[in-house]
Amino acid sequence: MNRIRVAAAAIAVTGTLALTAGSPANAAAHCHHTRPMIVLVHGARAGASRWNAVTTRLQHQGYTVKVAPDTLRGVATDTANLKTYLATI
């Protein structure tokens, strides 16, 4: 249940960043051919390496892909860590 909340928080934070990146204020900085960055977040009992095949496929399609580290310490800590990670990219 906690993993679902973390995943939902990750999607919400990622979605917010995607909306910000796509805002008119940032439009001039992006070529119309630029694809959005995709941030993948793994769930409980699954390490980031589970995304290897997906990451490779997306990169071949021209996407920039990041895989966020997840410390699996609990909803509050994991959400804070994800927010900090997203702020660095």
PDB file of N, CA and C in Angstrom:
ATOM      1  N   MET A   1       0.822  -1.185   0.000  1.00  0.00           N
ATOM      2  CA  MET A   1       0.000   0.000   0.000  1.00  0.00           C
ATOM      3  C   MET A   1       0.873   1.258   0.000  1.00  0.00           C
ATOM      4  N   ASN A   2       1.950   1.272   0.815  1.00  0.00           N
ATOM      5  CA  ASN A   2       2.839   2.425   0.857  1.00  0.00           C
ATOM      6  C   ASN A   2       3.532   2.630  -0.479  1.00  0.00           C
ATOM      7  N   ARG A   3       3.874   1.554  -1.178  1.00  0.00           N
ATOM      8  CA  ARG A   3       4.533   1.663  -2.484  1.00  0.00           C
ATOM      9  C   ARG A   3       3.616   2.354  -3.480  1.00  0.00           C
ATOM     10  N   ILE A   4       2.319   2.077  -3.386  1.00  0.00           N
ATOM     11  CA  ILE A   4       1.368   2.703  -4.294  1.00  0.00           C
ATOM     12  C   ILE A   4       1.346   4.207  -4.049  1.00  0.00           C
ATOM     13  N   ARG A   5       1.382   4.611  -2.781  1.00  0.00           N
ATOM     14  CA  ARG A   5       1.386   6.036  -2.461  1.00  0.00           C
ATOM     15  C   ARG A   5       2.660   6.706  -2.963  1.00  0.00           C
ATOM     16  N   VAL A   6       3.789   6.031  -2.819  1.00  0.00           N
ATOM     17  CA  VAL A   6       5.050   6.599  -3.309  1.00  0.00           C
ATOM     18  C   VAL A   6       4.996   6.728  -4.824  1.00  0.00           C
ATOM     19  N   ALA A   7       4.493   5.708  -5.495  1.00  0.00           N
ATOM     20  CA  ALA A   7       4.396   5.764  -6.952  1.00  0.00           C
ATOM     21  C   ALA A   7       3.469   6.902  -7.372  1.00  0.00           C
ATOM     22  N   ALA A   8       2.363   7.059  -6.674  1.00  0.00           N
ATOM     23  CA  ALA A   8       1.439   8.143  -6.998  1.00  0.00           C
ATOM     24  C   ALA A   8       2.096   9.494  -6.770  1.00  0.00           C
ATOM     25  N   ALA A   9       2.867   9.615  -5.695  1.00  0.00           N
ATOM     26  CA  ALA A   9       3.574  10.864  -5.431  1.00  0.00           C
ATOM     27  C   ALA A   9       4.609  11.132  -6.515  1.00  0.00           C
ATOM     28  N   ALA A  10       5.302  10.077  -6.940  1.00  0.00           N
ATOM     29  CA  ALA A  10       6.309  10.221  -7.989  1.00  0.00           C
ATOM     30  C   ALA A  10       5.671  10.680  -9.290  1.00  0.00           C
ATOM     31  N   ILE A  11       4.543  10.100  -9.613  1.00  0.00           N
ATOM     32  CA  ILE A  11       3.839  10.488 -10.835  1.00  0.00           C
ATOM     33  C   ILE A  11       3.382  11.932 -10.729  1.00  0.00           C
ATOM     34  N   ALA A  12       2.871  12.314  -9.566  1.00  0.00           N
ATOM     35  CA  ALA A  12       2.407  13.684  -9.375  1.00  0.00           C
ATOM     36  C   ALA A  12       3.555  14.676  -9.497  1.00  0.00           C
ATOM     37  N   VAL A  13       4.684  14.380  -8.858  1.00  0.00           N
ATOM     38  CA  VAL A  13       5.839  15.276  -8.933  1.00  0.00           C
ATOM     39  C   VAL A  13       6.375  15.327 -10.351  1.00  0.00           C
ATOM     40  N   THR A  14       6.510  14.168 -10.996  1.00  0.00           N
ATOM     41  CA  THR A  14       7.012  14.111 -12.364  1.00  0.00           C
ATOM     42  C   THR A  14       6.073  14.863 -13.301  1.00  0.00           C
ATOM     43  N   GLY A  15       4.784  14.660 -13.114  1.00  0.00           N
ATOM     44  CA  GLY A  15       3.799  15.361 -13.936  1.00  0.00           C
ATOM     45  C   GLY A  15       3.890  16.864 -13.776  1.00  0.00           C
ATOM     46  N   THR A  16       4.098  17.307 -12.557  1.00  0.00           N
ATOM     47  CA  THR A  16       4.247  18.739 -12.294  1.00  0.00           C
ATOM     48  C   THR A  16       5.471  19.287 -13.002  1.00  0.00           C
ATOM     49  N   LEU A  17       6.577  18.558 -12.938  1.00  0.00           N
ATOM     50  CA  LEU A  17       7.792  19.003 -13.622  1.00  0.00           C
ATOM     51  C   LEU A  17       7.592  19.014 -15.134  1.00  0.00           C
ATOM     52  N   ALA A  18       6.896  18.016 -15.644  1.00  0.00           N
ATOM     53  CA  ALA A  18       6.650  17.960 -17.083  1.00  0.00           C
ATOM     54  C   ALA A  18       5.798  19.142 -17.526  1.00  0.00           C
ATOM     55  N   LEU A  19       4.791  19.502 -16.722  1.00  0.00           N
ATOM     56  CA  LEU A  19       3.959  20.641 -17.064  1.00  0.00           C
ATOM     57  C   LEU A  19       4.760  21.939 -17.006  1.00  0.00           C
ATOM     58  N   THR A  20       5.634  22.054 -16.031  1.00  0.00           N
ATOM     59  CA  THR A  20       6.472  23.242 -15.908  1.00  0.00           C
ATOM     60  C   THR A  20       7.420  23.343 -17.093  1.00  0.00           C
ATOM     61  N   ALA A  21       8.034  22.215 -17.451  1.00  0.00           N
ATOM     62  CA  ALA A  21       8.975  22.207 -18.572  1.00  0.00           C
ATOM     63  C   ALA A  21       8.292  22.563 -19.879  1.00  0.00           C
ATOM     64  N   GLY A  22       7.016  22.240 -19.993  1.00  0.00           N
ATOM     65  CA  GLY A  22       6.291  22.500 -21.229  1.00  0.00           C
ATOM     66  C   GLY A  22       5.570  23.826 -21.243  1.00  0.00           C
ATOM     67  N   SER A  23       5.767  24.663 -20.241  1.00  0.00           N
ATOM     68  CA  SER A  23       5.064  25.938 -20.153  1.00  0.00           C
ATOM     69  C   SER A  23       5.573  26.897 -21.222  1.00  0.00           C
ATOM     70  N   PRO A  24       4.757  27.885 -21.599  1.00  0.00           N
ATOM     71  CA  PRO A  24       5.170  28.841 -22.626  1.00  0.00           C
ATOM     72  C   PRO A  24       6.469  29.566 -22.277  1.00  0.00           C
ATOM     73  N   ALA A  25       6.711  29.796 -20.997  1.00  0.00           N
ATOM     74  CA  ALA A  25       7.936  30.489 -20.596  1.00  0.00           C
ATOM     75  C   ALA A  25       9.172  29.695 -20.987  1.00  0.00           C
ATOM     76  N   ASN A  26       9.054  28.378 -21.026  1.00  0.00           N
ATOM     77  CA  ASN A  26      10.191  27.528 -21.383  1.00  0.00           C
ATOM     78  C   ASN A  26      10.167  27.092 -22.846  1.00  0.00           C
ATOM     79  N   ALA A  27       9.148  27.439 -23.560  1.00  0.00           N
ATOM     80  CA  ALA A  27       8.987  26.950 -24.929  1.00  0.00           C
ATOM     81  C   ALA A  27      10.121  27.395 -25.837  1.00  0.00           C
ATOM     82  N   ALA A  28      10.598  28.603 -25.657  1.00  0.00           N
ATOM     83  CA  ALA A  28      11.662  29.110 -26.522  1.00  0.00           C
ATOM     84  C   ALA A  28      12.959  28.340 -26.338  1.00  0.00           C
ATOM     85  N   ALA A  29      13.133  27.743 -25.170  1.00  0.00           N
ATOM     86  CA  ALA A  29      14.363  27.007 -24.895  1.00  0.00           C
ATOM     87  C   ALA A  29      14.369  25.620 -25.511  1.00  0.00           C
ATOM     88  N   HIS A  30      13.235  25.172 -26.006  1.00  0.00           N
ATOM     89  CA  HIS A  30      13.121  23.812 -26.534  1.00  0.00           C
ATOM     90  C   HIS A  30      12.795  23.837 -28.024  1.00  0.00           C
ATOM     91  N   CYS A  31      13.522  23.088 -28.773  1.00  0.00           N
ATOM     92  CA  CYS A  31      13.237  22.900 -30.192  1.00  0.00           C
ATOM     93  C   CYS A  31      11.952  22.086 -30.303  1.00  0.00           C
ATOM     94  N   HIS A  32      11.191  22.260 -31.361  1.00  0.00           N
ATOM     95  CA  HIS A  32       9.948  21.511 -31.504  1.00  0.00           C
ATOM     96  C   HIS A  32      10.197  20.020 -31.705  1.00  0.00           C
ATOM     97  N   HIS A  33      11.456  19.629 -31.933  1.00  0.00           N
ATOM     98  CA  HIS A  33      11.788  18.220 -32.091  1.00  0.00           C
ATOM     99  C   HIS A  33      12.238  17.578 -30.775  1.00  0.00           C
ATOM    100  N   THR A  34      12.370  18.368 -29.735  1.00  0.00           N
ATOM    101  CA  THR A  34      12.850  17.862 -28.459  1.00  0.00           C
ATOM    102  C   THR A  34      11.784  16.989 -27.806  1.00  0.00           C
ATOM    103  N   ARG A  35      12.197  15.832 -27.359  1.00  0.00           N
ATOM    104  CA  ARG A  35      11.279  14.943 -26.656  1.00  0.00           C
ATOM    105  C   ARG A  35      11.418  15.191 -25.160  1.00  0.00           C
ATOM    106  N   PRO A  36      10.347  14.941 -24.415  1.00  0.00           N
ATOM    107  CA  PRO A  36      10.423  15.158 -22.965  1.00  0.00           C
ATOM    108  C   PRO A  36      11.355  14.152 -22.295  1.00  0.00           C
ATOM    109  N   MET A  37      11.900  14.553 -21.162  1.00  0.00           N
ATOM    110  CA  MET A  37      12.690  13.637 -20.350  1.00  0.00           C
ATOM    111  C   MET A  37      11.713  12.727 -19.609  1.00  0.00           C
ATOM    112  N   ILE A  38      12.065  11.472 -19.509  1.00  0.00           N
ATOM    113  CA  ILE A  38      11.242  10.508 -18.794  1.00  0.00           C
ATOM    114  C   ILE A  38      12.002  10.069 -17.553  1.00  0.00           C
ATOM    115  N   VAL A  39      11.329  10.153 -16.413  1.00  0.00           N
ATOM    116  CA  VAL A  39      11.922   9.707 -15.148  1.00  0.00           C
ATOM    117  C   VAL A  39      11.160   8.468 -14.695  1.00  0.00           C
ATOM    118  N   LEU A  40      11.889   7.365 -14.577  1.00  0.00           N
ATOM    119  CA  LEU A  40      11.290   6.102 -14.149  1.00  0.00           C
ATOM    120  C   LEU A  40      11.583   5.879 -12.673  1.00  0.00           C
ATOM    121  N   VAL A  41      10.563   5.437 -11.943  1.00  0.00           N
ATOM    122  CA  VAL A  41      10.697   5.173 -10.509  1.00  0.00           C
ATOM    123  C   VAL A  41      10.273   3.739 -10.264  1.00  0.00           C
ATOM    124  N   HIS A  42      11.165   2.956  -9.669  1.00  0.00           N
ATOM    125  CA  HIS A  42      10.831   1.558  -9.411  1.00  0.00           C
ATOM    126  C   HIS A  42      10.026   1.435  -8.126  1.00  0.00           C
ATOM    127  N   GLY A  43       9.402   0.297  -7.952  1.00  0.00           N
ATOM    128  CA  GLY A  43       8.575   0.056  -6.769  1.00  0.00           C
ATOM    129  C   GLY A  43       9.261  -0.860  -5.782  1.00  0.00           C
ATOM    130  N   ALA A  44       8.497  -1.292  -4.831  1.00  0.00           N
ATOM    131  CA  ALA A  44       9.019  -2.155  -3.765  1.00  0.00           C
ATOM    132  C   ALA A  44       9.597  -3.444  -4.339  1.00  0.00           C
ATOM    133  N   ARG A  45      10.712  -3.845  -3.776  1.00  0.00           N
ATOM    134  CA  ARG A  45      11.384  -5.097  -4.130  1.00  0.00           C
ATOM    135  C   ARG A  45      11.833  -5.179  -5.575  1.00  0.00           C
ATOM    136  N   ALA A  46      11.940  -4.045  -6.211  1.00  0.00           N
ATOM    137  CA  ALA A  46      12.411  -4.024  -7.590  1.00  0.00           C
ATOM    138  C   ALA A  46      13.450  -2.924  -7.705  1.00  0.00           C
ATOM    139  N   GLY A  47      14.654  -3.296  -8.034  1.00  0.00           N
ATOM    140  CA  GLY A  47      15.712  -2.306  -8.169  1.00  0.00           C
ATOM    141  C   GLY A  47      15.615  -1.552  -9.477  1.00  0.00           C
ATOM    142  N   ALA A  48      16.395  -0.500  -9.575  1.00  0.00           N
ATOM    143  CA  ALA A  48      16.395   0.333 -10.775  1.00  0.00           C
ATOM    144  C   ALA A  48      16.793  -0.445 -12.026  1.00  0.00           C
ATOM    145  N   SER A  49      17.560  -1.521 -11.851  1.00  0.00           N
ATOM    146  CA  SER A  49      17.990  -2.315 -13.008  1.00  0.00           C
ATOM    147  C   SER A  49      16.815  -2.949 -13.741  1.00  0.00           C
ATOM    148  N   ARG A  50      15.681  -3.046 -13.091  1.00  0.00           N
ATOM    149  CA  ARG A  50      14.478  -3.589 -13.758  1.00  0.00           C
ATOM    150  C   ARG A  50      14.054  -2.735 -14.940  1.00  0.00           C
ATOM    151  N   TRP A  51      14.498  -1.470 -14.966  1.00  0.00           N
ATOM    152  CA  TRP A  51      14.136  -0.555 -16.035  1.00  0.00           C
ATOM    153  C   TRP A  51      15.109  -0.610 -17.209  1.00  0.00           C
ATOM    154  N   ASN A  52      16.133  -1.442 -17.169  1.00  0.00           N
ATOM    155  CA  ASN A  52      17.163  -1.434 -18.215  1.00  0.00           C
ATOM    156  C   ASN A  52      16.604  -1.585 -19.626  1.00  0.00           C
ATOM    157  N   ALA A  53      15.759  -2.548 -19.840  1.00  0.00           N
ATOM    158  CA  ALA A  53      15.212  -2.779 -21.185  1.00  0.00           C
ATOM    159  C   ALA A  53      14.334  -1.613 -21.632  1.00  0.00           C
ATOM    160  N   VAL A  54      13.535  -1.102 -20.720  1.00  0.00           N
ATOM    161  CA  VAL A  54      12.667   0.029 -21.040  1.00  0.00           C
ATOM    162  C   VAL A  54      13.510   1.267 -21.329  1.00  0.00           C
ATOM    163  N   THR A  55      14.527   1.496 -20.504  1.00  0.00           N
ATOM    164  CA  THR A  55      15.413   2.645 -20.687  1.00  0.00           C
ATOM    165  C   THR A  55      16.079   2.591 -22.059  1.00  0.00           C
ATOM    166  N   THR A  56      16.612   1.443 -22.416  1.00  0.00           N
ATOM    167  CA  THR A  56      17.270   1.278 -23.714  1.00  0.00           C
ATOM    168  C   THR A  56      16.308   1.552 -24.859  1.00  0.00           C
ATOM    169  N   ARG A  57      15.118   0.997 -24.777  1.00  0.00           N
ATOM    170  CA  ARG A  57      14.115   1.186 -25.833  1.00  0.00           C
ATOM    171  C   ARG A  57      13.744   2.663 -25.980  1.00  0.00           C
ATOM    172  N   LEU A  58      13.511   3.332 -24.871  1.00  0.00           N
ATOM    173  CA  LEU A  58      13.143   4.747 -24.923  1.00  0.00           C
ATOM    174  C   LEU A  58      14.293   5.611 -25.443  1.00  0.00           C
ATOM    175  N   GLN A  59      15.510   5.295 -25.037  1.00  0.00           N
ATOM    176  CA  GLN A  59      16.658   6.054 -25.518  1.00  0.00           C
ATOM    177  C   GLN A  59      16.832   5.898 -27.026  1.00  0.00           C
ATOM    178  N   HIS A  60      16.586   4.709 -27.542  1.00  0.00           N
ATOM    179  CA  HIS A  60      16.669   4.483 -28.994  1.00  0.00           C
ATOM    180  C   HIS A  60      15.601   5.270 -29.740  1.00  0.00           C
ATOM    181  N   GLN A  61      14.528   5.624 -29.047  1.00  0.00           N
ATOM    182  CA  GLN A  61      13.459   6.423 -29.654  1.00  0.00           C
ATOM    183  C   GLN A  61      13.713   7.919 -29.490  1.00  0.00           C
ATOM    184  N   GLY A  62      14.851   8.268 -28.884  1.00  0.00           N
ATOM    185  CA  GLY A  62      15.219   9.666 -28.782  1.00  0.00           C
ATOM    186  C   GLY A  62      14.891  10.347 -27.468  1.00  0.00           C
ATOM    187  N   TYR A  63      14.407   9.606 -26.497  1.00  0.00           N
ATOM    188  CA  TYR A  63      14.079  10.192 -25.199  1.00  0.00           C
ATOM    189  C   TYR A  63      15.294  10.215 -24.286  1.00  0.00           C
ATOM    190  N   THR A  64      15.358  11.226 -23.439  1.00  0.00           N
ATOM    191  CA  THR A  64      16.317  11.238 -22.346  1.00  0.00           C
ATOM    192  C   THR A  64      15.627  10.533 -21.187  1.00  0.00           C
ATOM    193  N   VAL A  65      16.287   9.528 -20.633  1.00  0.00           N
ATOM    194  CA  VAL A  65      15.674   8.718 -19.578  1.00  0.00           C
ATOM    195  C   VAL A  65      16.544   8.743 -18.338  1.00  0.00           C
ATOM    196  N   LYS A  66      15.923   9.002 -17.209  1.00  0.00           N
ATOM    197  CA  LYS A  66      16.585   8.946 -15.910  1.00  0.00           C
ATOM    198  C   LYS A  66      15.847   7.919 -15.055  1.00  0.00           C
ATOM    199  N   VAL A  67      16.592   7.187 -14.261  1.00  0.00           N
ATOM    200  CA  VAL A  67      15.985   6.233 -13.330  1.00  0.00           C
ATOM    201  C   VAL A  67      16.283   6.743 -11.925  1.00  0.00           C
ATOM    202  N   ALA A  68      15.230   7.115 -11.232  1.00  0.00           N
ATOM    203  CA  ALA A  68      15.376   7.694  -9.899  1.00  0.00           C
ATOM    204  C   ALA A  68      15.732   6.621  -8.879  1.00  0.00           C
ATOM    205  N   PRO A  69      16.691   6.926  -8.006  1.00  0.00           N
ATOM    206  CA  PRO A  69      16.996   5.992  -6.919  1.00  0.00           C
ATOM    207  C   PRO A  69      15.862   6.008  -5.905  1.00  0.00           C
ATOM    208  N   ASP A  70      15.579   4.884  -5.331  1.00  0.00           N
ATOM    209  CA  ASP A  70      14.526   4.790  -4.312  1.00  0.00           C
ATOM    210  C   ASP A  70      15.113   4.043  -3.126  1.00  0.00           C
ATOM    211  N   THR A  71      15.181   4.701  -1.993  1.00  0.00           N
ATOM    212  CA  THR A  71      15.814   4.119  -0.814  1.00  0.00           C
ATOM    213  C   THR A  71      14.907   3.154  -0.060  1.00  0.00           C
ATOM    214  N   LEU A  72      13.627   3.139  -0.403  1.00  0.00           N
ATOM    215  CA  LEU A  72      12.654   2.242   0.235  1.00  0.00           C
ATOM    216  C   LEU A  72      12.655   2.396   1.758  1.00  0.00           C
ATOM    217  N   ARG A  73      12.642   3.637   2.212  1.00  0.00           N
ATOM    218  CA  ARG A  73      12.668   3.938   3.650  1.00  0.00           C
ATOM    219  C   ARG A  73      11.297   4.293   4.210  1.00  0.00           C
ATOM    220  N   GLY A  74      10.313   4.448   3.357  1.00  0.00           N
ATOM    221  CA  GLY A  74       8.974   4.841   3.794  1.00  0.00           C
ATOM    222  C   GLY A  74       8.454   5.953   2.903  1.00  0.00           C
ATOM    223  N   VAL A  75       7.153   6.150   2.940  1.00  0.00           N
ATOM    224  CA  VAL A  75       6.520   7.091   2.019  1.00  0.00           C
ATOM    225  C   VAL A  75       7.089   8.501   2.155  1.00  0.00           C
ATOM    226  N   ALA A  76       7.157   9.025   3.359  1.00  0.00           N
ATOM    227  CA  ALA A  76       7.620  10.402   3.547  1.00  0.00           C
ATOM    228  C   ALA A  76       9.073  10.571   3.097  1.00  0.00           C
ATOM    229  N   THR A  77       9.933   9.659   3.511  1.00  0.00           N
ATOM    230  CA  THR A  77      11.356   9.746   3.156  1.00  0.00           C
ATOM    231  C   THR A  77      11.561   9.542   1.662  1.00  0.00           C
ATOM    232  N   ASP A  78      10.910   8.534   1.096  1.00  0.00           N
ATOM    233  CA  ASP A  78      11.072   8.260  -0.337  1.00  0.00           C
ATOM    234  C   ASP A  78      10.553   9.412  -1.187  1.00  0.00           C
ATOM    235  N   THR A  79       9.453  10.011  -0.779  1.00  0.00           N
ATOM    236  CA  THR A  79       8.905  11.145  -1.520  1.00  0.00           C
ATOM    237  C   THR A  79       9.849  12.336  -1.451  1.00  0.00           C
ATOM    238  N   ALA A  80      10.381  12.599  -0.271  1.00  0.00           N
ATOM    239  CA  ALA A  80      11.341  13.702  -0.117  1.00  0.00           C
ATOM    240  C   ALA A  80      12.601  13.448  -0.943  1.00  0.00           C
ATOM    241  N   ASN A  81      13.092  12.212  -0.916  1.00  0.00           N
ATOM    242  CA  ASN A  81      14.283  11.875  -1.708  1.00  0.00           C
ATOM    243  C   ASN A  81      14.020  12.026  -3.200  1.00  0.00           C
ATOM    244  N   LEU A  82      12.845  11.603  -3.640  1.00  0.00           N
ATOM    245  CA  LEU A  82      12.492  11.725  -5.058  1.00  0.00           C
ATOM    246  C   LEU A  82      12.395  13.198  -5.455  1.00  0.00           C
ATOM    247  N   LYS A  83      11.797  13.998  -4.611  1.00  0.00           N
ATOM    248  CA  LYS A  83      11.684  15.424  -4.892  1.00  0.00           C
ATOM    249  C   LYS A  83      13.078  16.054  -5.008  1.00  0.00           C
ATOM    250  N   THR A  84      13.981  15.691  -4.111  1.00  0.00           N
ATOM    251  CA  THR A  84      15.344  16.202  -4.150  1.00  0.00           C
ATOM    252  C   THR A  84      16.044  15.760  -5.427  1.00  0.00           C
ATOM    253  N   TYR A  85      15.872  14.490  -5.805  1.00  0.00           N
ATOM    254  CA  TYR A  85      16.484  13.981  -7.035  1.00  0.00           C
ATOM    255  C   TYR A  85      15.959  14.726  -8.252  1.00  0.00           C
ATOM    256  N   LEU A  86      14.648  14.906  -8.325  1.00  0.00           N
ATOM    257  CA  LEU A  86      14.048  15.574  -9.477  1.00  0.00           C
ATOM    258  C   LEU A  86      14.521  17.022  -9.602  1.00  0.00           C
ATOM    259  N   ALA A  87      14.817  17.636  -8.480  1.00  0.00           N
ATOM    260  CA  ALA A  87      15.296  19.021  -8.504  1.00  0.00           C
ATOM    261  C   ALA A  87      16.697  19.132  -9.120  1.00  0.00           C
ATOM    262  N   THR A  88      17.410  18.013  -9.192  1.00  0.00           N
ATOM    263  CA  THR A  88      18.772  18.038  -9.727  1.00  0.00           C
ATOM    264  C   THR A  88      18.826  17.837 -11.237  1.00  0.00           C
ATOM    265  N   ILE A  89      17.724  17.482 -11.832  1.00  0.00           N
ATOM    266  CA  ILE A  89      17.743  17.211 -13.284  1.00  0.00           C
ATOM    267  C   ILE A  89      16.952  18.233 -14.058  1.00  0.00           C
TER     268      ILE A  89
END
